[in-house]
């Protein structure tokens, strides 16, 4: 066929394409749909969809309302879903479709909201300076009724991935500088380094929330991120108004996932708080991450694992729970040299004050130290109720000079000697002069107790804390070593 003969055919084909364009533009895209076949407890089963674990879906209920859910597992052609909220009103055979938000949720003030695949878009949450001073839920929705998420300069939040690539262990800067947390006992005896991950072990009602609030108010970190995971809903407002206060909230972000939320939301709250801390760390800032609590996170993971059929192992905890703990904790720490840092405090609830609780035991192995709060000290009115004998900071030798480390060692030795002989002293069976080291410990004990105690409104800087410790130990005779 000659070129002259092909020209009319090409022109006709172009006209045909132009006629098809409005038809294709107006056509509805093909929608993937699944069908709900089973709902038992926290788990729903769906057939007809092939989505990856972690993808979000919407279950269309009888009144056309949508229930958001997430894929948590699969077996053959069946997907296992877990609802984001209470699954009220669902029915057998309900339509299940991939999650497709048509616009940003009201009140978020988002920018840079490009179209993405449903499973990707579901894991994008707001990040930015507009979060500072705000209280949000695990989906990024404001809870403080203070308007959209907009910073003082007018900038809005950006959507960033919830899950991020881990930093290569060889690229992380080592922990070499101390972080002032404003607590005299910690600054002096359990010095924390920038980028350290440390556990706060305690039972219920011994003052861990107050201690976290004091750190948030008095630390020298640039940004504080607080994750309230699985705690009582009443405590959220009390923590923000009474403990954190306006001074602490001004440079803080609070992510609240109370105990009445679903386990999936609680786990997302911990991951979201960590992602926010990573965002500010990547900007070169020093971040203090306060997670309350790591135990509630583990319990939420246990609920999900048991619901989808994973067998329990250690005291009812499936093996996957102990795999998720280091995945969360390892995201904190230093960035590369010259970058920012995330110093993490993770509270661990010791059920019945049992230090051998499986979650507590696993946490000790993956954290860079632990601070133990004593119920006996709390009942005696000793606050913060830090048991210095049972606590340790593993990075203290790397961030403190040799004289400071020696002062802390001597303080521990004197305090331990007094505690070991406390019963003997209580009954008056000890004769002064029989043990010079014990005599020194007895003489120094009132000052040591005053050093360890601190009121909620008192700030103890790192320099002042170490100076007071040096002066205290310097006044004790050498026999007390």
Protein backbone atom coordinates (compact mmCIF):
# COMPACT_ATOMS: atom_id res chain seq x y z
CA UNK A 1 0.00 0.00 0.00
CA UNK A 2 1.35 3.39 -1.00
CA UNK A 3 1.86 6.29 1.37
CA UNK A 4 -0.99 8.16 -0.36
CA UNK A 5 -3.39 5.26 0.28
CA UNK A 6 -2.43 4.99 3.99
CA UNK A 7 -3.07 8.69 4.75
CA UNK A 8 -6.92 8.54 4.77
CA UNK A 9 -6.84 5.48 7.02
CA UNK A 10 -4.58 7.26 9.54
CA UNK A 11 -6.82 10.32 9.56
CA UNK A 12 -9.87 8.11 10.13
CA UNK A 13 -8.14 6.36 13.04
CA UNK A 14 -7.27 9.71 14.67
CA UNK A 15 -10.91 10.81 14.39
CA UNK A 16 -11.97 7.52 15.98
CA UNK A 17 -9.61 8.08 18.93
CA UNK A 18 -10.97 11.59 19.45
CA UNK A 19 -14.52 10.23 19.53
CA UNK A 20 -13.51 7.59 22.08
CA UNK A 21 -11.77 10.02 24.44
CA UNK A 22 -14.91 11.48 26.11
CA UNK A 23 -16.41 7.99 26.41
CA UNK A 24 -13.29 6.66 28.17
CA UNK A 25 -13.02 9.76 30.37
CA UNK A 26 -16.61 9.44 31.57
CA UNK A 27 -16.43 5.68 32.14
CA UNK A 28 -16.31 4.36 35.69
CA UNK A 29 -13.10 2.44 36.45
CA UNK A 30 -13.34 -1.28 37.13
CA UNK A 31 -13.72 -1.78 40.87
CA UNK A 32 -12.35 -4.79 42.69
CA UNK A 33 -14.81 -6.21 45.15
CA UNK A 34 -14.77 -8.91 47.77
CA UNK A 35 -17.41 -10.51 49.94
CA UNK A 36 -17.53 -10.85 53.71
CA UNK A 37 -17.99 -14.51 54.63
CA UNK A 38 -17.24 -14.63 58.36
CA UNK A 39 -16.88 -12.37 61.39
CA UNK A 40 -15.78 -13.87 64.69
CA UNK A 41 -14.48 -11.72 67.50
CA UNK A 42 -11.93 -9.29 66.12
CA UNK A 43 -11.35 -11.05 62.78
CA UNK A 44 -13.35 -10.89 59.56
CA UNK A 45 -12.82 -13.20 56.58
CA UNK A 46 -13.19 -12.03 52.98
CA UNK A 47 -13.06 -13.83 49.63
CA UNK A 48 -12.69 -12.33 46.18
CA UNK A 49 -9.82 -9.91 46.88
CA UNK A 50 -6.08 -10.35 46.56
CA UNK A 51 -4.36 -7.66 48.63
CA UNK A 52 -1.07 -7.61 50.56
CA UNK A 53 -0.86 -7.74 54.34
CA UNK A 54 -1.15 -4.18 55.65
CA UNK A 55 -3.53 -2.99 52.91
CA UNK A 56 -6.60 -1.04 53.99
CA UNK A 57 -10.12 -1.93 52.84
CA UNK A 58 -13.63 -0.61 53.40
CA UNK A 59 -16.55 -2.86 54.39
CA UNK A 60 -19.81 -1.38 53.05
CA UNK A 61 -22.48 -1.76 55.72
CA UNK A 62 -26.27 -2.00 55.38
CA UNK A 63 -26.80 1.78 55.50
CA UNK A 64 -23.98 2.37 52.96
CA UNK A 65 -21.68 3.49 55.75
CA UNK A 66 -18.11 2.23 55.50
CA UNK A 67 -16.14 0.38 58.13
CA UNK A 68 -12.38 0.73 57.67
CA UNK A 69 -10.33 -2.43 58.19
CA UNK A 70 -6.82 -3.68 57.53
CA UNK A 71 -5.53 -6.94 56.08
CA UNK A 72 -3.65 -8.76 58.85
CA UNK A 73 -3.20 -12.19 57.22
CA UNK A 74 -4.50 -14.66 54.69
CA UNK A 75 -5.08 -18.39 54.16
CA UNK A 76 -5.46 -19.59 50.60
CA UNK A 77 -8.05 -17.37 48.93
CA UNK A 78 -9.31 -15.94 52.23
CA UNK A 79 -8.13 -12.61 53.62
CA UNK A 80 -8.20 -11.94 57.37
CA UNK A 81 -9.25 -8.41 58.25
CA UNK A 82 -9.23 -6.53 61.52
CA UNK A 83 -11.48 -3.48 61.91
CA UNK A 84 -10.11 -0.05 62.71
CA UNK A 85 -13.25 0.75 64.74
CA UNK A 86 -16.00 -1.30 66.37
CA UNK A 87 -17.62 -3.56 63.73
CA UNK A 88 -21.22 -2.60 64.38
CA UNK A 89 -23.86 -3.21 61.70
CA UNK A 90 -21.93 -5.52 59.39
CA UNK A 91 -23.82 -8.37 57.74
CA UNK A 92 -22.95 -11.65 55.95
CA UNK A 93 -22.05 -11.09 52.31
CA UNK A 94 -21.21 -7.40 52.80
CA UNK A 95 -19.23 -5.83 49.97
CA UNK A 96 -15.54 -5.24 50.67
CA UNK A 97 -13.53 -2.86 48.47
CA UNK A 98 -9.95 -1.52 48.60
CA UNK A 99 -9.79 1.67 50.63
CA UNK A 100 -10.10 4.69 48.29
CA UNK A 101 -10.28 8.05 50.11
CA UNK A 102 -11.50 10.70 47.69
CA UNK A 103 -10.10 13.66 49.62
CA UNK A 104 -8.09 14.46 52.73
CA UNK A 105 -10.03 14.11 55.99
CA UNK A 106 -11.41 17.44 57.27
CA UNK A 107 -9.25 19.25 59.77
CA UNK A 108 -5.91 17.82 58.64
CA UNK A 109 -4.78 20.74 56.49
CA UNK A 110 -2.78 18.41 54.23
CA UNK A 111 -0.77 19.32 51.18
CA UNK A 112 1.03 17.19 48.60
CA UNK A 113 -1.82 14.69 48.37
CA UNK A 114 -1.09 12.89 45.05
CA UNK A 115 -3.04 9.86 43.92
CA UNK A 116 -1.45 6.59 45.01
CA UNK A 117 -2.41 2.94 45.08
CA UNK A 118 -4.93 2.19 47.82
CA UNK A 119 -2.55 0.03 49.83
CA UNK A 120 0.14 2.73 49.71
CA UNK A 121 -2.17 5.67 50.39
CA UNK A 122 -3.55 3.96 53.50
CA UNK A 123 -0.14 4.10 55.16
CA UNK A 124 0.44 7.81 54.51
CA UNK A 125 -0.08 9.98 57.60
CA UNK A 126 0.44 13.69 58.31
CA UNK A 127 3.91 14.83 59.40
CA UNK A 128 5.35 18.29 59.90
CA UNK A 129 5.91 21.22 62.23
CA UNK A 130 2.15 21.77 62.36
CA UNK A 131 1.95 18.79 64.73
CA UNK A 132 3.89 20.60 67.46
CA UNK A 133 1.66 21.48 70.38
CA UNK A 134 -1.15 19.23 69.13
CA UNK A 135 -2.91 16.08 70.32
CA UNK A 136 -3.81 13.64 67.54
CA UNK A 137 -5.12 10.11 67.17
CA UNK A 138 -3.25 7.28 65.35
CA UNK A 139 -4.76 8.33 62.01
CA UNK A 140 -3.55 11.92 62.35
CA UNK A 141 -6.94 13.44 63.21
CA UNK A 142 -6.75 16.26 65.81
CA UNK A 143 -8.29 15.41 69.18
CA UNK A 144 -7.74 18.78 70.86
CA UNK A 145 -10.43 20.69 68.93
CA UNK A 146 -7.86 23.35 68.07
CA UNK A 147 -8.58 23.51 64.35
CA UNK A 148 -6.73 22.13 61.33
CA UNK A 149 -3.11 21.03 61.53
CA UNK A 150 -1.41 24.25 60.45
CA UNK A 151 1.88 25.63 61.77
CA UNK A 152 2.40 29.17 63.03
CA UNK A 153 4.00 30.14 59.69
CA UNK A 154 0.96 28.88 57.80
CA UNK A 155 2.54 25.67 56.56
CA UNK A 156 0.45 22.51 56.56
CA UNK A 157 1.38 18.90 57.16
CA UNK A 158 2.71 16.56 54.51
CA UNK A 159 1.69 12.95 54.00
CA UNK A 160 4.61 10.66 54.76
CA UNK A 161 4.87 6.85 54.94
CA UNK A 162 4.09 5.22 58.25
CA UNK A 163 6.66 2.48 57.65
CA UNK A 164 10.15 3.70 56.79
CA UNK A 165 13.40 2.08 55.78
CA UNK A 166 15.68 1.36 58.73
CA UNK A 167 19.05 3.08 58.98
CA UNK A 168 22.00 0.78 58.35
CA UNK A 169 23.56 -0.08 61.70
CA UNK A 170 27.00 0.89 60.36
CA UNK A 171 25.71 4.32 59.29
CA UNK A 172 24.40 5.28 62.74
CA UNK A 173 26.45 7.71 64.78
CA UNK A 174 27.54 6.22 68.12
CA UNK A 175 26.09 7.52 71.39
CA UNK A 176 28.76 9.93 72.63
CA UNK A 177 26.95 12.92 74.23
CA UNK A 178 24.64 13.14 77.22
CA UNK A 179 21.04 14.35 77.12
CA UNK A 180 19.70 16.47 79.97
CA UNK A 181 16.31 15.06 81.02
CA UNK A 182 15.86 17.39 84.01
CA UNK A 183 15.73 14.59 86.62
CA UNK A 184 18.54 14.74 89.22
CA UNK A 185 18.73 10.99 89.95
CA UNK A 186 18.88 10.13 86.23
CA UNK A 187 21.27 12.92 85.23
CA UNK A 188 23.67 12.10 88.06
CA UNK A 189 23.53 8.31 88.47
CA UNK A 190 21.94 6.98 85.27
CA UNK A 191 23.09 9.51 82.68
CA UNK A 192 21.23 9.11 79.40
CA UNK A 193 22.95 9.57 76.03
CA UNK A 194 21.49 11.15 72.90
CA UNK A 195 20.16 8.26 70.85
CA UNK A 196 19.83 5.83 73.75
CA UNK A 197 16.80 3.56 74.17
CA UNK A 198 15.96 2.96 77.83
CA UNK A 199 13.11 1.23 79.63
CA UNK A 200 11.08 2.57 82.54
CA UNK A 201 9.96 -0.51 84.48
CA UNK A 202 7.21 -0.20 87.04
CA UNK A 203 3.93 -1.53 88.32
CA UNK A 204 0.78 0.53 88.24
CA UNK A 205 0.47 3.66 90.36
CA UNK A 206 4.11 4.29 91.24
CA UNK A 207 4.57 7.60 89.38
CA UNK A 208 5.77 6.71 85.90
CA UNK A 209 3.40 9.18 84.18
CA UNK A 210 4.55 12.02 86.43
CA UNK A 211 8.18 11.14 85.71
CA UNK A 212 7.52 11.19 81.96
CA UNK A 213 5.80 14.57 82.26
CA UNK A 214 8.76 16.01 84.18
CA UNK A 215 11.12 14.83 81.44
CA UNK A 216 8.92 16.38 78.76
CA UNK A 217 8.92 19.75 80.55
CA UNK A 218 12.56 19.93 81.61
CA UNK A 219 14.56 18.12 78.90
CA UNK A 220 16.86 20.02 76.56
CA UNK A 221 15.71 17.98 73.56
CA UNK A 222 14.34 20.04 70.65
CA UNK A 223 11.13 18.05 70.18
CA UNK A 224 9.17 15.71 72.46
CA UNK A 225 6.93 13.02 70.98
CA UNK A 226 4.59 11.30 73.44
CA UNK A 227 2.80 8.07 72.55
CA UNK A 228 -0.03 7.23 74.98
CA UNK A 229 -0.77 3.66 73.94
CA UNK A 230 -3.47 1.60 75.60
CA UNK A 231 -3.81 3.76 78.71
CA UNK A 232 -7.10 4.77 80.28
CA UNK A 233 -8.95 7.47 78.35
CA UNK A 234 -9.34 9.58 81.48
CA UNK A 235 -5.56 9.71 81.88
CA UNK A 236 -5.00 11.23 78.43
CA UNK A 237 -6.47 14.65 79.29
CA UNK A 238 -5.03 14.57 82.81
CA UNK A 239 -1.56 13.80 81.46
CA UNK A 240 -1.75 16.68 78.98
CA UNK A 241 -3.34 19.29 81.29
CA UNK A 242 -1.83 18.44 84.69
CA UNK A 243 1.43 16.58 84.04
CA UNK A 244 2.69 17.73 80.65
CA UNK A 245 1.19 21.23 81.04
CA UNK A 246 1.47 24.09 78.57
CA UNK A 247 5.25 24.32 79.03
CA UNK A 248 5.77 20.75 77.86
CA UNK A 249 3.05 20.69 75.20
CA UNK A 250 4.44 23.72 73.38
CA UNK A 251 7.22 21.68 71.72
CA UNK A 252 5.54 18.27 71.94
CA UNK A 253 3.37 16.04 69.79
CA UNK A 254 0.97 13.71 71.62
CA UNK A 255 -0.40 10.62 69.86
CA UNK A 256 -3.23 9.12 71.91
CA UNK A 257 -4.62 5.61 71.40
CA UNK A 258 -6.61 4.84 74.59
CA UNK A 259 -7.48 1.38 75.84
CA UNK A 260 -10.96 1.43 74.28
CA UNK A 261 -9.57 1.55 70.73
CA UNK A 262 -9.03 -1.61 68.70
CA UNK A 263 -5.66 -3.41 68.96
CA UNK A 264 -4.85 -2.43 65.39
CA UNK A 265 -5.27 1.26 66.24
CA UNK A 266 -3.10 0.89 69.35
CA UNK A 267 -0.30 -0.67 67.32
CA UNK A 268 -0.62 2.03 64.66
CA UNK A 269 -0.41 4.69 67.39
CA UNK A 270 2.99 3.40 68.52
CA UNK A 271 4.23 3.19 64.93
CA UNK A 272 2.90 6.69 64.14
CA UNK A 273 4.58 8.26 67.19
CA UNK A 274 7.86 6.65 66.14
CA UNK A 275 7.43 7.88 62.55
CA UNK A 276 6.86 11.44 63.77
CA UNK A 277 10.04 11.19 65.84
CA UNK A 278 11.91 9.94 62.75
CA UNK A 279 10.57 12.88 60.73
CA UNK A 280 12.01 15.43 63.16
CA UNK A 281 15.24 13.46 63.54
CA UNK A 282 15.73 13.58 59.77
CA UNK A 283 15.56 17.38 60.07
CA UNK A 284 18.61 17.27 62.35
CA UNK A 285 16.73 17.77 65.62
CA UNK A 286 17.21 15.96 68.92
CA UNK A 287 13.96 14.17 69.77
CA UNK A 288 12.82 12.71 73.08
CA UNK A 289 10.35 9.87 72.42
CA UNK A 290 8.21 8.89 75.42
CA UNK A 291 6.22 5.70 74.78
CA UNK A 292 3.66 4.74 77.43
CA UNK A 293 3.54 1.84 77.23
CA UNK A 294 5.52 -0.85 75.42
CA UNK A 295 3.56 -3.50 77.31
CA UNK A 296 0.21 -2.28 75.93
CA UNK A 297 1.74 -2.40 72.44
CA UNK A 298 2.76 -6.02 73.04
CA UNK A 299 -0.72 -6.84 74.35
CA UNK A 300 -2.31 -5.37 71.21
CA UNK A 301 0.04 -7.46 69.05
CA UNK A 302 -0.92 -10.53 71.10
CA UNK A 303 -4.64 -9.89 70.54
CA UNK A 304 -4.14 -9.71 66.78
CA UNK A 305 -1.86 -12.75 66.58
CA UNK A 306 -4.18 -14.94 68.65
CA UNK A 307 -7.23 -13.77 66.68
CA UNK A 308 -5.75 -14.93 63.34
CA UNK A 309 -4.77 -18.30 64.78
CA UNK A 310 -1.14 -17.99 65.85
CA UNK A 311 -0.44 -20.40 68.73
CA UNK A 312 0.54 -18.92 72.12
CA UNK A 313 4.01 -19.58 73.46
CA UNK A 314 5.44 -17.75 76.49
CA UNK A 315 2.69 -16.99 79.03
CA UNK A 316 0.11 -16.59 76.28
CA UNK A 317 2.27 -14.39 74.02
CA UNK A 318 2.74 -15.71 70.45
CA UNK A 319 6.30 -15.65 69.03
CA UNK A 320 5.48 -12.82 66.60
CA UNK A 321 5.00 -10.41 69.53
CA UNK A 322 8.64 -10.72 70.54
CA UNK A 323 9.65 -10.16 66.91
CA UNK A 324 7.65 -6.92 66.72
CA UNK A 325 9.19 -5.37 69.85
CA UNK A 326 12.72 -4.91 68.41
CA UNK A 327 11.24 -3.79 65.08
CA UNK A 328 9.62 -0.87 66.90
CA UNK A 329 12.44 -0.05 69.31
CA UNK A 330 15.24 -0.23 66.71
CA UNK A 331 13.69 2.65 64.78
CA UNK A 332 14.82 4.99 67.56
CA UNK A 333 18.47 6.02 67.96
CA UNK A 334 20.95 8.27 66.20
CA UNK A 335 20.95 9.15 62.55
CA UNK A 336 24.22 9.31 60.60
CA UNK A 337 27.06 11.50 61.86
CA UNK A 338 26.00 15.12 62.11
CA UNK A 339 22.28 14.28 62.00
CA UNK A 340 19.57 14.27 64.62
CA UNK A 341 18.75 11.72 67.29
CA UNK A 342 15.83 9.94 68.93
CA UNK A 343 16.27 9.20 72.62
CA UNK A 344 13.54 6.75 73.57
CA UNK A 345 11.96 6.08 76.97
CA UNK A 346 9.65 3.06 76.86
CA UNK A 347 7.54 2.29 79.91
CA UNK A 348 7.16 -1.40 80.71
CA UNK A 349 4.43 -2.56 83.09
CA UNK A 350 5.58 -5.36 85.36
CA UNK A 351 2.35 -7.21 86.19
CA UNK A 352 2.13 -7.81 89.91
CA UNK A 353 5.54 -6.09 90.20
CA UNK A 354 7.04 -9.26 88.65
CA UNK A 355 10.37 -8.34 87.01
CA UNK A 356 10.35 -11.69 85.16
CA UNK A 357 7.28 -10.80 83.12
CA UNK A 358 8.00 -12.03 79.54
CA UNK A 359 7.58 -8.57 77.98
CA UNK A 360 9.79 -6.99 80.65
CA UNK A 361 12.42 -9.68 80.15
CA UNK A 362 12.39 -9.20 76.36
CA UNK A 363 12.54 -5.41 76.73
CA UNK A 364 15.62 -5.56 78.95
CA UNK A 365 17.42 -7.52 76.23
CA UNK A 366 16.74 -5.02 73.43
CA UNK A 367 17.03 -1.72 75.33
CA UNK A 368 20.19 0.19 76.32
CA UNK A 369 19.39 0.24 80.01
CA UNK A 370 16.50 0.21 82.43
CA UNK A 371 15.17 2.41 85.22
CA UNK A 372 13.14 0.55 87.83
CA UNK A 373 10.48 2.32 89.90
CA UNK A 374 9.95 0.79 93.35
CA UNK A 375 6.50 0.45 94.88
CA UNK A 376 8.05 0.40 98.37
CA UNK A 377 9.68 3.79 97.75
CA UNK A 378 6.43 5.20 96.35
CA UNK A 379 4.48 4.00 99.38
CA UNK A 380 7.06 5.69 101.60
CA UNK A 381 6.52 9.02 99.81
CA UNK A 382 9.87 8.89 98.00
CA UNK A 383 9.41 10.45 94.52
CA UNK A 384 10.57 9.85 91.91
CA UNK A 385 10.58 6.26 93.20
CA UNK A 386 13.73 5.23 91.31
CA UNK A 387 15.46 2.13 92.65
CA UNK A 388 19.05 3.08 91.85
CA UNK A 389 20.38 -0.36 92.84
CA UNK A 390 18.19 -2.16 90.27
CA UNK A 391 18.65 0.46 87.53
CA UNK A 392 21.44 0.91 85.01
CA UNK A 393 22.34 3.01 81.98
CA UNK A 394 24.51 0.97 79.62
CA UNK A 395 25.82 4.00 77.72
CA UNK A 396 26.83 6.05 80.76
CA UNK A 397 30.54 5.10 80.44
CA UNK A 398 30.50 6.49 76.88
CA UNK A 399 28.92 9.86 77.73
CA UNK A 400 30.45 10.72 81.13
CA UNK A 401 33.97 11.53 82.26
CA UNK A 402 35.83 9.15 84.57
CA UNK A 403 35.39 11.32 87.74
CA UNK A 404 31.62 11.40 87.22
CA UNK A 405 31.47 7.62 86.76
CA UNK A 406 33.52 7.13 89.93
CA UNK A 407 31.17 9.42 91.92
CA UNK A 408 28.18 7.42 90.71
CA UNK A 409 29.93 4.15 91.66
CA UNK A 410 30.71 5.37 95.17
CA UNK A 411 27.14 6.64 95.63
CA UNK A 412 25.78 3.22 94.66
CA UNK A 413 28.22 1.46 96.98
CA UNK A 414 27.28 3.64 99.95
CA UNK A 415 23.56 3.37 99.26
CA UNK A 416 23.74 -0.42 98.84
CA UNK A 417 25.73 -0.87 102.05
CA UNK A 418 23.13 1.08 104.01
CA UNK A 419 20.24 -0.90 102.48
CA UNK A 420 21.90 -4.25 103.24
CA UNK A 421 22.21 -3.28 106.91
CA UNK A 422 18.87 -1.51 107.22
CA UNK A 423 17.26 -4.24 109.34
CA UNK A 424 20.26 -4.31 111.66
CA UNK A 425 20.06 -0.55 112.11
CA UNK A 426 16.29 -0.61 112.63
CA UNK A 427 16.53 -2.82 115.71
CA UNK A 428 19.52 -0.92 117.11
CA UNK A 429 21.84 -3.92 116.90
CA UNK A 430 24.69 -2.07 115.17
CA UNK A 431 27.45 -0.49 117.25
CA UNK A 432 28.95 2.66 115.76
CA UNK A 433 32.61 2.26 114.84
CA UNK A 434 32.40 -1.46 114.07
CA UNK A 435 32.43 -0.84 110.29
CA UNK A 436 33.92 2.49 109.07
CA UNK A 437 32.38 2.04 105.62
CA UNK A 438 28.93 1.54 107.13
CA UNK A 439 29.47 4.53 109.42
CA UNK A 440 30.15 6.66 106.34
CA UNK A 441 27.04 5.28 104.62
CA UNK A 442 24.90 6.07 107.70
CA UNK A 443 26.24 9.61 107.89
CA UNK A 444 25.67 10.25 104.17
CA UNK A 445 22.28 8.53 103.88
CA UNK A 446 20.05 11.59 104.63
CA UNK A 447 21.87 13.63 101.98
CA UNK A 448 21.68 10.75 99.50
CA UNK A 449 17.92 10.51 99.98
CA UNK A 450 17.53 14.24 99.44
CA UNK A 451 19.59 13.93 96.27
CA UNK A 452 17.30 11.20 94.91
CA UNK A 453 14.04 13.03 95.69
CA UNK A 454 12.65 15.78 93.50
CA UNK A 455 9.32 17.59 93.33
CA UNK A 456 7.24 17.90 90.16
CA UNK A 457 7.96 21.62 89.87
CA UNK A 458 11.72 21.36 90.34
CA UNK A 459 14.13 21.21 87.43
CA UNK A 460 17.60 19.70 87.91
CA UNK A 461 19.97 20.41 85.04
CA UNK A 462 22.61 17.92 83.98
CA UNK A 463 25.51 20.14 85.05
CA UNK A 464 23.96 20.99 88.41
CA UNK A 465 23.03 17.36 89.11
CA UNK A 466 26.55 16.13 88.47
CA UNK A 467 28.02 18.97 90.52
CA UNK A 468 25.76 18.14 93.50
CA UNK A 469 26.71 14.47 93.24
CA UNK A 470 30.41 15.35 93.20
CA UNK A 471 30.03 17.60 96.25
CA UNK A 472 28.08 14.94 98.12
CA UNK A 473 30.64 12.19 97.47
CA UNK A 474 33.53 14.57 98.13
CA UNK A 475 32.23 15.14 101.66
CA UNK A 476 32.18 11.40 102.46
CA UNK A 477 35.36 9.91 104.01
CA UNK A 478 37.35 7.59 101.74
CA UNK A 479 36.48 4.64 104.00
CA UNK A 480 32.96 4.80 102.60
CA UNK A 481 34.11 3.66 99.18
